Amino acid sequence: MNELRVIVDDFSRALNAVWTLMSEAGVTIGGTRIMIAGVTGLLLIAAAAWWFARWTEYAIRRIAVRRSAGGNEFPVAYTVARLTRYTVWIIALTVGLQSLGLDLSGFALIGGALGVGIGFGLQNVVSNFISGVILLVDRSLKIGDFVELESGVRGQVMEVSLRCTRITTNDLVDILVPNSEFVNGRVTNWTYDEFSRRLRIPFGVAYGSDKALVREAGIAAAAKVPGVIQSDPRRPTEVWLVGFGDSSLNFELLVWLDLERLKRPSATQAKIYWALDDELAARNIEIPFPQRDLHVRSGTLKVDGGPAG
């Protein structure tokens, strides 16, 4: 027992000696004495902040997944989790710098210098960061939304980070889009507030076709395709005559798609065209192709065959 007490006392004295050394040893930078103990404290604070931020974000998202029933709770939880992470890091940075004994008021000069640097080289980086915070706060863009950008990029929002937003296309290609494009450019959000969308399918039939049969064929074709809304009287399937072409009567088949098919409009459009061709053929309705009639006036037609060969 006495031996154990001696070991504990020796260990305690060793720790006190190390702490005294760390508290006294350091370097002087710009008139400020930075101790090894302060640097150690900064590292410990950074490690604790990293762990706490990760744990908090994980806990918030786990709770949201358990409570979510397909609504908007998970996108809100994602926003709260990300903002919590940023807040923890800002607080940790402030406390860590104070543990070094630095006067934070002296960072005003550094901030001015950074402002000049931002103006020359970091403008895009800061713009994307601020745009990312705006996207998280105003909730105009949520995780799971299906969007289309001015550049033609189309896909589902998977993640909003500090610099960019990750979009996954229907071909399972991940595209990293700078956040500023969502704030400064035009964005079409197909699932912002409404979970259905009308799709227009243009087609043409030969002149002389029975228009009632054309409407019947269009409605029957739409009924065959999964994801086309049929039971909502506010969103009926319609067939419109929209014009008279050079060789065809031009129609549009208008259908409403549910959320899942809304994210894959090209595939749904292909299925509707396939079914529409079958329905038109079953009713002997022709799909015309451009034709040209050549009229030759009566008279003498002189043909010069050129010199014999």
C-alpha atoms as a PDB file:
ATOM      1  CA  MET A   1       0.000   0.000   0.000  1.00  0.00           C
ATOM      2  CA  ASN A   2       2.833   2.348   0.847  1.00  0.00           C
ATOM      3  CA  GLU A   3       4.496   1.514  -2.457  1.00  0.00           C
ATOM      4  CA  LEU A   4       1.310   2.407  -4.366  1.00  0.00           C
ATOM      5  CA  ARG A   5       1.065   5.712  -2.501  1.00  0.00           C
ATOM      6  CA  VAL A   6       4.677   6.475  -3.399  1.00  0.00           C
ATOM      7  CA  ILE A   7       3.987   5.751  -7.073  1.00  0.00           C
ATOM      8  CA  VAL A   8       0.918   8.026  -7.045  1.00  0.00           C
ATOM      9  CA  ASP A   9       2.859  10.817  -5.344  1.00  0.00           C
ATOM     10  CA  ASP A  10       5.704  10.508  -7.859  1.00  0.00           C
ATOM     11  CA  PHE A  11       3.259  10.588 -10.757  1.00  0.00           C
ATOM     12  CA  SER A  12       1.501  13.640  -9.314  1.00  0.00           C
ATOM     13  CA  ARG A  13       4.793  15.483  -8.877  1.00  0.00           C
ATOM     14  CA  ALA A  14       5.762  14.606 -12.455  1.00  0.00           C
ATOM     15  CA  LEU A  15       2.482  16.008 -13.777  1.00  0.00           C
ATOM     16  CA  ASN A  16       2.945  19.195 -11.764  1.00  0.00           C
ATOM     17  CA  ALA A  17       6.460  19.568 -13.133  1.00  0.00           C
ATOM     18  CA  VAL A  18       5.247  19.093 -16.717  1.00  0.00           C
ATOM     19  CA  TRP A  19       2.413  21.566 -16.235  1.00  0.00           C
ATOM     20  CA  THR A  20       4.788  24.123 -14.688  1.00  0.00           C
ATOM     21  CA  LEU A  21       7.131  23.704 -17.643  1.00  0.00           C
ATOM     22  CA  MET A  22       4.296  24.095 -20.139  1.00  0.00           C
ATOM     23  CA  SER A  23       3.006  27.166 -18.305  1.00  0.00           C
ATOM     24  CA  GLU A  24       6.401  28.857 -18.332  1.00  0.00           C
ATOM     25  CA  ALA A  25       7.828  27.743 -21.682  1.00  0.00           C
ATOM     26  CA  GLY A  26       6.705  29.467 -24.834  1.00  0.00           C
ATOM     27  CA  VAL A  27       7.535  31.916 -27.584  1.00  0.00           C
ATOM     28  CA  THR A  28       6.906  35.619 -28.011  1.00  0.00           C
ATOM     29  CA  ILE A  29       5.146  36.702 -31.208  1.00  0.00           C
ATOM     30  CA  GLY A  30       4.421  40.357 -31.779  1.00  0.00           C
ATOM     31  CA  GLY A  31       4.729  41.187 -28.104  1.00  0.00           C
ATOM     32  CA  THR A  32       2.384  38.382 -27.071  1.00  0.00           C
ATOM     33  CA  ARG A  33       3.711  35.477 -25.046  1.00  0.00           C
ATOM     34  CA  ILE A  34       2.276  32.184 -26.298  1.00  0.00           C
ATOM     35  CA  MET A  35       2.688  29.344 -23.828  1.00  0.00           C
ATOM     36  CA  ILE A  36       2.844  25.649 -24.608  1.00  0.00           C
ATOM     37  CA  ALA A  37      -0.052  25.178 -22.192  1.00  0.00           C
ATOM     38  CA  GLY A  38      -2.153  27.567 -24.289  1.00  0.00           C
ATOM     39  CA  VAL A  39      -1.332  25.683 -27.492  1.00  0.00           C
ATOM     40  CA  THR A  40      -2.241  22.414 -25.786  1.00  0.00           C
ATOM     41  CA  GLY A  41      -5.509  23.943 -24.628  1.00  0.00           C
ATOM     42  CA  LEU A  42      -6.249  25.112 -28.169  1.00  0.00           C
ATOM     43  CA  LEU A  43      -5.713  21.598 -29.525  1.00  0.00           C
ATOM     44  CA  LEU A  44      -7.909  20.092 -26.824  1.00  0.00           C
ATOM     45  CA  ILE A  45     -10.658  22.638 -27.506  1.00  0.00           C
ATOM     46  CA  ALA A  46     -10.464  21.920 -31.248  1.00  0.00           C
ATOM     47  CA  ALA A  47     -10.706  18.169 -30.642  1.00  0.00           C
ATOM     48  CA  ALA A  48     -13.633  18.613 -28.255  1.00  0.00           C
ATOM     49  CA  ALA A  49     -15.403  20.964 -30.680  1.00  0.00           C
ATOM     50  CA  TRP A  50     -14.934  18.525 -33.569  1.00  0.00           C
ATOM     51  CA  TRP A  51     -16.342  15.649 -31.513  1.00  0.00           C
ATOM     52  CA  PHE A  52     -19.239  17.680 -30.112  1.00  0.00           C
ATOM     53  CA  ALA A  53     -20.199  19.092 -33.528  1.00  0.00           C
ATOM     54  CA  ARG A  54     -20.137  15.643 -35.144  1.00  0.00           C
ATOM     55  CA  TRP A  55     -22.095  14.074 -32.291  1.00  0.00           C
ATOM     56  CA  THR A  56     -24.707  16.856 -32.242  1.00  0.00           C
ATOM     57  CA  GLU A  57     -25.230  16.722 -36.001  1.00  0.00           C
ATOM     58  CA  TYR A  58     -25.542  12.939 -35.895  1.00  0.00           C
ATOM     59  CA  ALA A  59     -28.023  13.074 -33.000  1.00  0.00           C
ATOM     60  CA  ILE A  60     -30.226  15.706 -34.662  1.00  0.00           C
ATOM     61  CA  ARG A  61     -30.407  13.801 -37.927  1.00  0.00           C
ATOM     62  CA  ARG A  62     -31.065  10.479 -36.181  1.00  0.00           C
ATOM     63  CA  ILE A  63     -33.952  11.993 -34.231  1.00  0.00           C
ATOM     64  CA  ALA A  64     -35.350  13.520 -37.425  1.00  0.00           C
ATOM     65  CA  VAL A  65     -35.161  10.211 -39.285  1.00  0.00           C
ATOM     66  CA  ARG A  66     -37.038   8.448 -36.481  1.00  0.00           C
ATOM     67  CA  ARG A  67     -39.775  11.071 -36.290  1.00  0.00           C
ATOM     68  CA  SER A  68     -40.081  11.806 -39.991  1.00  0.00           C
ATOM     69  CA  ALA A  69     -43.060  10.371 -41.795  1.00  0.00           C
ATOM     70  CA  GLY A  70     -42.161  11.565 -45.265  1.00  0.00           C
ATOM     71  CA  GLY A  71     -42.640  15.279 -44.569  1.00  0.00           C
ATOM     72  CA  ASN A  72     -40.143  18.136 -44.379  1.00  0.00           C
ATOM     73  CA  GLU A  73     -38.668  17.310 -40.976  1.00  0.00           C
ATOM     74  CA  PHE A  74     -35.477  15.814 -42.343  1.00  0.00           C
ATOM     75  CA  PRO A  75     -34.527  18.863 -44.503  1.00  0.00           C
ATOM     76  CA  VAL A  76     -35.154  21.112 -41.495  1.00  0.00           C
ATOM     77  CA  ALA A  77     -33.005  18.847 -39.316  1.00  0.00           C
ATOM     78  CA  TYR A  78     -30.239  18.983 -41.909  1.00  0.00           C
ATOM     79  CA  THR A  79     -30.292  22.785 -41.807  1.00  0.00           C
ATOM     80  CA  VAL A  80     -30.282  22.894 -37.996  1.00  0.00           C
ATOM     81  CA  ALA A  81     -27.452  20.355 -37.819  1.00  0.00           C
ATOM     82  CA  ARG A  82     -25.244  22.268 -40.255  1.00  0.00           C
ATOM     83  CA  LEU A  83     -25.831  25.618 -38.559  1.00  0.00           C
ATOM     84  CA  THR A  84     -25.089  23.989 -35.189  1.00  0.00           C
ATOM     85  CA  ARG A  85     -21.782  22.690 -36.528  1.00  0.00           C
ATOM     86  CA  TYR A  86     -20.761  26.134 -37.795  1.00  0.00           C
ATOM     87  CA  THR A  87     -21.773  27.767 -34.493  1.00  0.00           C
ATOM     88  CA  VAL A  88     -19.749  25.268 -32.451  1.00  0.00           C
ATOM     89  CA  TRP A  89     -16.668  25.864 -34.584  1.00  0.00           C
ATOM     90  CA  ILE A  90     -16.948  29.655 -34.286  1.00  0.00           C
ATOM     91  CA  ILE A  91     -17.294  29.443 -30.492  1.00  0.00           C
ATOM     92  CA  ALA A  92     -14.411  26.962 -30.273  1.00  0.00           C
ATOM     93  CA  LEU A  93     -12.189  29.205 -32.391  1.00  0.00           C
ATOM     94  CA  THR A  94     -12.925  32.214 -30.181  1.00  0.00           C
ATOM     95  CA  VAL A  95     -12.306  30.318 -26.932  1.00  0.00           C
ATOM     96  CA  GLY A  96      -9.178  28.671 -28.331  1.00  0.00           C
ATOM     97  CA  LEU A  97      -7.626  31.971 -29.357  1.00  0.00           C
ATOM     98  CA  GLN A  98      -8.382  33.411 -25.942  1.00  0.00           C
ATOM     99  CA  SER A  99      -6.690  30.410 -24.313  1.00  0.00           C
ATOM    100  CA  LEU A 100      -3.513  31.423 -26.129  1.00  0.00           C
ATOM    101  CA  GLY A 101      -3.701  34.795 -24.428  1.00  0.00           C
ATOM    102  CA  LEU A 102      -4.339  36.656 -27.672  1.00  0.00           C
ATOM    103  CA  ASP A 103      -6.192  39.945 -27.643  1.00  0.00           C
ATOM    104  CA  LEU A 104      -9.005  39.444 -30.138  1.00  0.00           C
ATOM    105  CA  SER A 105      -9.410  43.184 -30.594  1.00  0.00           C
ATOM    106  CA  GLY A 106      -6.062  43.100 -32.356  1.00  0.00           C
ATOM    107  CA  PHE A 107      -7.588  40.998 -35.089  1.00  0.00           C
ATOM    108  CA  ALA A 108      -9.275  44.080 -36.525  1.00  0.00           C
ATOM    109  CA  LEU A 109      -6.108  44.831 -38.487  1.00  0.00           C
ATOM    110  CA  ILE A 110      -5.918  41.242 -39.654  1.00  0.00           C
ATOM    111  CA  GLY A 111      -9.565  41.440 -40.671  1.00  0.00           C
ATOM    112  CA  GLY A 112      -8.817  44.491 -42.780  1.00  0.00           C
ATOM    113  CA  ALA A 113      -5.951  42.693 -44.472  1.00  0.00           C
ATOM    114  CA  LEU A 114      -8.179  39.694 -45.088  1.00  0.00           C
ATOM    115  CA  GLY A 115     -10.756  42.013 -46.602  1.00  0.00           C
ATOM    116  CA  VAL A 116      -8.204  43.129 -49.175  1.00  0.00           C
ATOM    117  CA  GLY A 117      -7.273  39.504 -49.814  1.00  0.00           C
ATOM    118  CA  ILE A 118     -10.906  38.564 -50.207  1.00  0.00           C
ATOM    119  CA  GLY A 119     -11.387  41.351 -52.710  1.00  0.00           C
ATOM    120  CA  PHE A 120      -8.546  40.028 -54.863  1.00  0.00           C
ATOM    121  CA  GLY A 121      -8.423  36.274 -54.470  1.00  0.00           C
ATOM    122  CA  LEU A 122     -11.014  34.897 -52.059  1.00  0.00           C
ATOM    123  CA  GLN A 123     -14.128  36.628 -53.318  1.00  0.00           C
ATOM    124  CA  ASN A 124     -15.591  33.491 -54.911  1.00  0.00           C
ATOM    125  CA  VAL A 125     -14.804  31.366 -51.861  1.00  0.00           C
ATOM    126  CA  VAL A 126     -16.512  33.778 -49.463  1.00  0.00           C
ATOM    127  CA  SER A 127     -19.404  34.268 -51.878  1.00  0.00           C
ATOM    128  CA  ASN A 128     -20.013  30.522 -51.997  1.00  0.00           C
ATOM    129  CA  PHE A 129     -19.789  30.269 -48.195  1.00  0.00           C
ATOM    130  CA  ILE A 130     -22.304  33.075 -47.629  1.00  0.00           C
ATOM    131  CA  SER A 131     -24.560  31.640 -50.345  1.00  0.00           C
ATOM    132  CA  GLY A 132     -24.458  28.260 -48.596  1.00  0.00           C
ATOM    133  CA  VAL A 133     -25.532  29.835 -45.307  1.00  0.00           C
ATOM    134  CA  ILE A 134     -28.356  31.670 -47.111  1.00  0.00           C
ATOM    135  CA  LEU A 135     -29.566  28.418 -48.670  1.00  0.00           C
ATOM    136  CA  LEU A 136     -29.588  26.717 -45.275  1.00  0.00           C
ATOM    137  CA  VAL A 137     -31.398  29.573 -43.522  1.00  0.00           C
ATOM    138  CA  ASP A 138     -34.126  30.576 -45.983  1.00  0.00           C
ATOM    139  CA  ARG A 139     -34.957  26.946 -46.932  1.00  0.00           C
ATOM    140  CA  SER A 140     -35.564  27.797 -50.568  1.00  0.00           C
ATOM    141  CA  LEU A 141     -33.525  24.692 -51.307  1.00  0.00           C
ATOM    142  CA  LYS A 142     -33.944  21.513 -49.270  1.00  0.00           C
ATOM    143  CA  ILE A 143     -32.296  18.126 -49.260  1.00  0.00           C
ATOM    144  CA  GLY A 144     -34.238  15.891 -51.645  1.00  0.00           C
ATOM    145  CA  ASP A 145     -35.498  18.699 -53.909  1.00  0.00           C
ATOM    146  CA  PHE A 146     -35.338  18.087 -57.655  1.00  0.00           C
ATOM    147  CA  VAL A 147     -33.916  21.187 -59.340  1.00  0.00           C
ATOM    148  CA  GLU A 148     -32.820  22.445 -62.734  1.00  0.00           C
ATOM    149  CA  LEU A 149     -30.239  25.217 -63.128  1.00  0.00           C
ATOM    150  CA  GLU A 150     -29.776  27.790 -65.864  1.00  0.00           C
ATOM    151  CA  SER A 151     -26.756  25.815 -67.050  1.00  0.00           C
ATOM    152  CA  GLY A 152     -29.004  22.818 -67.757  1.00  0.00           C
ATOM    153  CA  VAL A 153     -27.860  20.758 -64.758  1.00  0.00           C
ATOM    154  CA  ARG A 154     -30.801  18.745 -63.477  1.00  0.00           C
ATOM    155  CA  GLY A 155     -30.925  16.411 -60.494  1.00  0.00           C
ATOM    156  CA  GLN A 156     -31.699  15.827 -56.830  1.00  0.00           C
ATOM    157  CA  VAL A 157     -30.085  17.890 -54.068  1.00  0.00           C
ATOM    158  CA  MET A 158     -28.096  15.531 -51.843  1.00  0.00           C
ATOM    159  CA  GLU A 159     -25.914  17.848 -49.719  1.00  0.00           C
ATOM    160  CA  VAL A 160     -25.320  21.559 -49.084  1.00  0.00           C
ATOM    161  CA  SER A 161     -21.772  22.196 -47.847  1.00  0.00           C
ATOM    162  CA  LEU A 162     -19.710  25.320 -47.198  1.00  0.00           C
ATOM    163  CA  ARG A 163     -18.490  25.726 -50.770  1.00  0.00           C
ATOM    164  CA  CYS A 164     -20.837  23.809 -53.023  1.00  0.00           C
ATOM    165  CA  THR A 165     -24.030  21.807 -53.332  1.00  0.00           C
ATOM    166  CA  ARG A 166     -23.941  18.187 -54.474  1.00  0.00           C
ATOM    167  CA  ILE A 167     -26.558  17.246 -57.053  1.00  0.00           C
ATOM    168  CA  THR A 168     -27.106  13.682 -58.247  1.00  0.00           C
ATOM    169  CA  THR A 169     -28.543  13.338 -61.751  1.00  0.00           C
ATOM    170  CA  ASN A 170     -30.841  10.561 -62.938  1.00  0.00           C
ATOM    171  CA  ASP A 171     -27.751   8.898 -64.435  1.00  0.00           C
ATOM    172  CA  LEU A 172     -26.286   8.726 -60.881  1.00  0.00           C
ATOM    173  CA  VAL A 173     -23.644  11.320 -61.722  1.00  0.00           C
ATOM    174  CA  ASP A 174     -22.678  13.581 -58.801  1.00  0.00           C
ATOM    175  CA  ILE A 175     -22.221  17.230 -59.812  1.00  0.00           C
ATOM    176  CA  LEU A 176     -20.715  19.796 -57.432  1.00  0.00           C
ATOM    177  CA  VAL A 177     -22.351  23.168 -58.085  1.00  0.00           C
ATOM    178  CA  PRO A 178     -20.995  26.363 -56.432  1.00  0.00           C
ATOM    179  CA  ASN A 179     -23.535  27.719 -53.954  1.00  0.00           C
ATOM    180  CA  SER A 180     -23.476  31.154 -55.577  1.00  0.00           C
ATOM    181  CA  GLU A 181     -25.169  29.712 -58.679  1.00  0.00           C
ATOM    182  CA  PHE A 182     -28.269  28.967 -56.609  1.00  0.00           C
ATOM    183  CA  VAL A 183     -28.394  32.492 -55.158  1.00  0.00           C
ATOM    184  CA  ASN A 184     -27.437  34.556 -58.211  1.00  0.00           C
ATOM    185  CA  GLY A 185     -28.892  32.423 -61.000  1.00  0.00           C
ATOM    186  CA  ARG A 186     -32.343  31.179 -61.929  1.00  0.00           C
ATOM    187  CA  VAL A 187     -33.234  27.837 -60.369  1.00  0.00           C
ATOM    188  CA  THR A 188     -36.285  25.754 -61.238  1.00  0.00           C
ATOM    189  CA  ASN A 189     -37.307  23.770 -58.159  1.00  0.00           C
ATOM    190  CA  TRP A 190     -39.737  21.118 -59.347  1.00  0.00           C
ATOM    191  CA  THR A 191     -40.578  19.963 -55.822  1.00  0.00           C
ATOM    192  CA  TYR A 192     -40.498  23.250 -53.899  1.00  0.00           C
ATOM    193  CA  ASP A 193     -44.088  23.304 -52.670  1.00  0.00           C
ATOM    194  CA  GLU A 194     -46.110  21.173 -55.105  1.00  0.00           C
ATOM    195  CA  PHE A 195     -45.548  17.434 -55.385  1.00  0.00           C
ATOM    196  CA  SER A 196     -46.997  17.008 -58.857  1.00  0.00           C
ATOM    197  CA  ARG A 197     -46.211  18.535 -62.225  1.00  0.00           C
ATOM    198  CA  ARG A 198     -47.882  18.673 -65.612  1.00  0.00           C
ATOM    199  CA  LEU A 199     -46.014  17.145 -68.526  1.00  0.00           C
ATOM    200  CA  ARG A 200     -46.826  18.044 -72.144  1.00  0.00           C
ATOM    201  CA  ILE A 201     -46.441  15.366 -74.827  1.00  0.00           C
ATOM    202  CA  PRO A 202     -46.654  16.809 -78.378  1.00  0.00           C
ATOM    203  CA  PHE A 203     -47.701  14.526 -81.238  1.00  0.00           C
ATOM    204  CA  GLY A 204     -49.367  14.726 -84.630  1.00  0.00           C
ATOM    205  CA  VAL A 205     -51.872  12.652 -86.626  1.00  0.00           C
ATOM    206  CA  ALA A 206     -52.868  12.621 -90.268  1.00  0.00           C
ATOM    207  CA  TYR A 207     -55.469  15.062 -91.566  1.00  0.00           C
ATOM    208  CA  GLY A 208     -58.916  13.494 -91.613  1.00  0.00           C
ATOM    209  CA  SER A 209     -58.376  11.513 -88.402  1.00  0.00           C
ATOM    210  CA  ASP A 210     -61.283  11.310 -85.963  1.00  0.00           C
ATOM    211  CA  LYS A 211     -60.436  13.810 -83.217  1.00  0.00           C
ATOM    212  CA  ALA A 212     -62.600  11.989 -80.668  1.00  0.00           C
ATOM    213  CA  LEU A 213     -60.629   8.792 -81.276  1.00  0.00           C
ATOM    214  CA  VAL A 214     -57.394  10.748 -80.930  1.00  0.00           C
ATOM    215  CA  ARG A 215     -58.518  12.009 -77.516  1.00  0.00           C
ATOM    216  CA  GLU A 216     -59.560   8.503 -76.527  1.00  0.00           C
ATOM    217  CA  ALA A 217     -56.174   7.099 -77.571  1.00  0.00           C
ATOM    218  CA  GLY A 218     -54.270   9.758 -75.624  1.00  0.00           C
ATOM    219  CA  ILE A 219     -56.220   9.210 -72.401  1.00  0.00           C
ATOM    220  CA  ALA A 220     -55.897   5.426 -72.716  1.00  0.00           C
ATOM    221  CA  ALA A 221     -52.142   5.705 -73.263  1.00  0.00           C
ATOM    222  CA  ALA A 222     -51.703   7.886 -70.170  1.00  0.00           C
ATOM    223  CA  ALA A 223     -53.693   5.416 -68.064  1.00  0.00           C
ATOM    224  CA  LYS A 224     -51.194   2.661 -68.904  1.00  0.00           C
ATOM    225  CA  VAL A 225     -48.161   4.524 -67.533  1.00  0.00           C
ATOM    226  CA  PRO A 226     -47.364   4.218 -63.793  1.00  0.00           C
ATOM    227  CA  GLY A 227     -47.030   7.519 -61.976  1.00  0.00           C
ATOM    228  CA  VAL A 228     -49.583   9.424 -64.055  1.00  0.00           C
ATOM    229  CA  ILE A 229     -52.197  10.854 -61.682  1.00  0.00           C
ATOM    230  CA  GLN A 230     -55.655   9.525 -62.555  1.00  0.00           C
ATOM    231  CA  SER A 231     -57.855   9.959 -59.474  1.00  0.00           C
ATOM    232  CA  ASP A 232     -57.528  13.716 -58.845  1.00  0.00           C
ATOM    233  CA  PRO A 233     -60.299  15.695 -60.620  1.00  0.00           C
ATOM    234  CA  ARG A 234     -58.202  18.859 -60.301  1.00  0.00           C
ATOM    235  CA  ARG A 235     -55.471  17.258 -62.420  1.00  0.00           C
ATOM    236  CA  PRO A 236     -57.207  15.525 -65.303  1.00  0.00           C
ATOM    237  CA  THR A 237     -55.488  13.993 -68.311  1.00  0.00           C
ATOM    238  CA  GLU A 238     -56.323  16.127 -71.355  1.00  0.00           C
ATOM    239  CA  VAL A 239     -55.754  16.095 -75.108  1.00  0.00           C
ATOM    240  CA  TRP A 240     -55.575  19.486 -76.828  1.00  0.00           C
ATOM    241  CA  LEU A 241     -55.615  20.332 -80.502  1.00  0.00           C
ATOM    242  CA  VAL A 242     -52.906  23.000 -80.650  1.00  0.00           C
ATOM    243  CA  GLY A 243     -52.345  23.674 -84.344  1.00  0.00           C
ATOM    244  CA  PHE A 244     -52.449  22.711 -87.992  1.00  0.00           C
ATOM    245  CA  GLY A 245     -49.096  21.578 -89.327  1.00  0.00           C
ATOM    246  CA  ASP A 246     -47.888  21.163 -92.899  1.00  0.00           C
ATOM    247  CA  SER A 247     -48.811  17.482 -92.894  1.00  0.00           C
ATOM    248  CA  SER A 248     -50.540  16.812 -89.571  1.00  0.00           C
ATOM    249  CA  LEU A 249     -53.040  17.876 -86.957  1.00  0.00           C
ATOM    250  CA  ASN A 250     -50.894  18.848 -83.973  1.00  0.00           C
ATOM    251  CA  PHE A 251     -52.028  17.710 -80.523  1.00  0.00           C
ATOM    252  CA  GLU A 252     -50.679  17.837 -76.985  1.00  0.00           C
ATOM    253  CA  LEU A 253     -51.285  15.149 -74.390  1.00  0.00           C
ATOM    254  CA  LEU A 254     -51.238  16.758 -70.932  1.00  0.00           C
ATOM    255  CA  VAL A 255     -50.663  14.502 -67.932  1.00  0.00           C
ATOM    256  CA  TRP A 256     -49.869  15.079 -64.262  1.00  0.00           C
ATOM    257  CA  LEU A 257     -46.979  13.151 -62.698  1.00  0.00           C
ATOM    258  CA  ASP A 258     -46.488  12.173 -59.066  1.00  0.00           C
ATOM    259  CA  LEU A 259     -43.334  13.005 -57.091  1.00  0.00           C
ATOM    260  CA  GLU A 260     -41.278   9.946 -58.032  1.00  0.00           C
ATOM    261  CA  ARG A 261     -41.982  10.176 -61.785  1.00  0.00           C
ATOM    262  CA  LEU A 262     -41.530  13.930 -61.533  1.00  0.00           C
ATOM    263  CA  LYS A 263     -37.849  13.321 -60.844  1.00  0.00           C
ATOM    264  CA  ARG A 264     -37.530  11.196 -64.019  1.00  0.00           C
ATOM    265  CA  PRO A 265     -39.584  13.043 -66.644  1.00  0.00           C
ATOM    266  CA  SER A 266     -37.610  11.757 -69.637  1.00  0.00           C
ATOM    267  CA  ALA A 267     -38.211   8.101 -68.759  1.00  0.00           C
ATOM    268  CA  THR A 268     -41.920   8.750 -68.173  1.00  0.00           C
ATOM    269  CA  GLN A 269     -42.205  10.663 -71.439  1.00  0.00           C
ATOM    270  CA  ALA A 270     -40.651   7.727 -73.311  1.00  0.00           C
ATOM    271  CA  LYS A 271     -43.195   5.316 -71.771  1.00  0.00           C
ATOM    272  CA  ILE A 272     -46.090   7.595 -72.707  1.00  0.00           C
ATOM    273  CA  TYR A 273     -44.896   7.850 -76.314  1.00  0.00           C
ATOM    274  CA  TRP A 274     -44.608   4.064 -76.464  1.00  0.00           C
ATOM    275  CA  ALA A 275     -48.155   3.571 -75.157  1.00  0.00           C
ATOM    276  CA  LEU A 276     -49.498   6.367 -77.362  1.00  0.00           C
ATOM    277  CA  ASP A 277     -48.117   4.757 -80.516  1.00  0.00           C
ATOM    278  CA  ASP A 278     -49.813   1.467 -79.564  1.00  0.00           C
ATOM    279  CA  GLU A 279     -53.159   3.154 -78.887  1.00  0.00           C
ATOM    280  CA  LEU A 280     -53.120   5.153 -82.120  1.00  0.00           C
ATOM    281  CA  ALA A 281     -52.244   2.045 -84.135  1.00  0.00           C
ATOM    282  CA  ALA A 282     -55.061   0.090 -82.443  1.00  0.00           C
ATOM    283  CA  ARG A 283     -57.531   2.712 -83.726  1.00  0.00           C
ATOM    284  CA  ASN A 284     -55.998   2.875 -87.223  1.00  0.00           C
ATOM    285  CA  ILE A 285     -54.906   6.476 -86.702  1.00  0.00           C
ATOM    286  CA  GLU A 286     -51.885   7.309 -88.819  1.00  0.00           C
ATOM    287  CA  ILE A 287     -48.903   9.316 -87.668  1.00  0.00           C
ATOM    288  CA  PRO A 288     -47.897  11.295 -90.773  1.00  0.00           C
ATOM    289  CA  PHE A 289     -44.476  12.178 -92.054  1.00  0.00           C
ATOM    290  CA  PRO A 290     -43.534  15.203 -94.192  1.00  0.00           C
ATOM    291  CA  GLN A 291     -44.476  14.787 -97.858  1.00  0.00           C
ATOM    292  CA  ARG A 292     -43.822  16.863-100.951  1.00  0.00           C
ATOM    293  CA  ASP A 293     -45.945  16.770-104.107  1.00  0.00           C
ATOM    294  CA  LEU A 294     -44.200  17.456-107.414  1.00  0.00           C
ATOM    295  CA  HIS A 295     -46.415  18.937-110.136  1.00  0.00           C
ATOM    296  CA  VAL A 296     -45.004  18.883-113.700  1.00  0.00           C
ATOM    297  CA  ARG A 297     -46.665  21.244-116.147  1.00  0.00           C
ATOM    298  CA  SER A 298     -47.558  19.890-119.581  1.00  0.00           C
ATOM    299  CA  GLY A 299     -45.170  20.807-122.373  1.00  0.00           C
ATOM    300  CA  THR A 300     -41.913  19.818-123.870  1.00  0.00           C
ATOM    301  CA  LEU A 301     -39.212  18.868-121.430  1.00  0.00           C
ATOM    302  CA  LYS A 302     -35.772  19.041-122.950  1.00  0.00           C
ATOM    303  CA  VAL A 303     -33.198  16.790-121.380  1.00  0.00           C
ATOM    304  CA  ASP A 304     -29.545  17.383-122.171  1.00  0.00           C
ATOM    305  CA  GLY A 305     -27.595  14.231-121.479  1.00  0.00           C
ATOM    306  CA  GLY A 306     -24.211  15.771-122.305  1.00  0.00           C
ATOM    307  CA  PRO A 307     -21.580  14.328-124.622  1.00  0.00           C
ATOM    308  CA  ALA A 308     -21.498  10.573-125.098  1.00  0.00           C
ATOM    309  CA  GLY A 309     -18.948   8.864-123.084  1.00  0.00           C
END
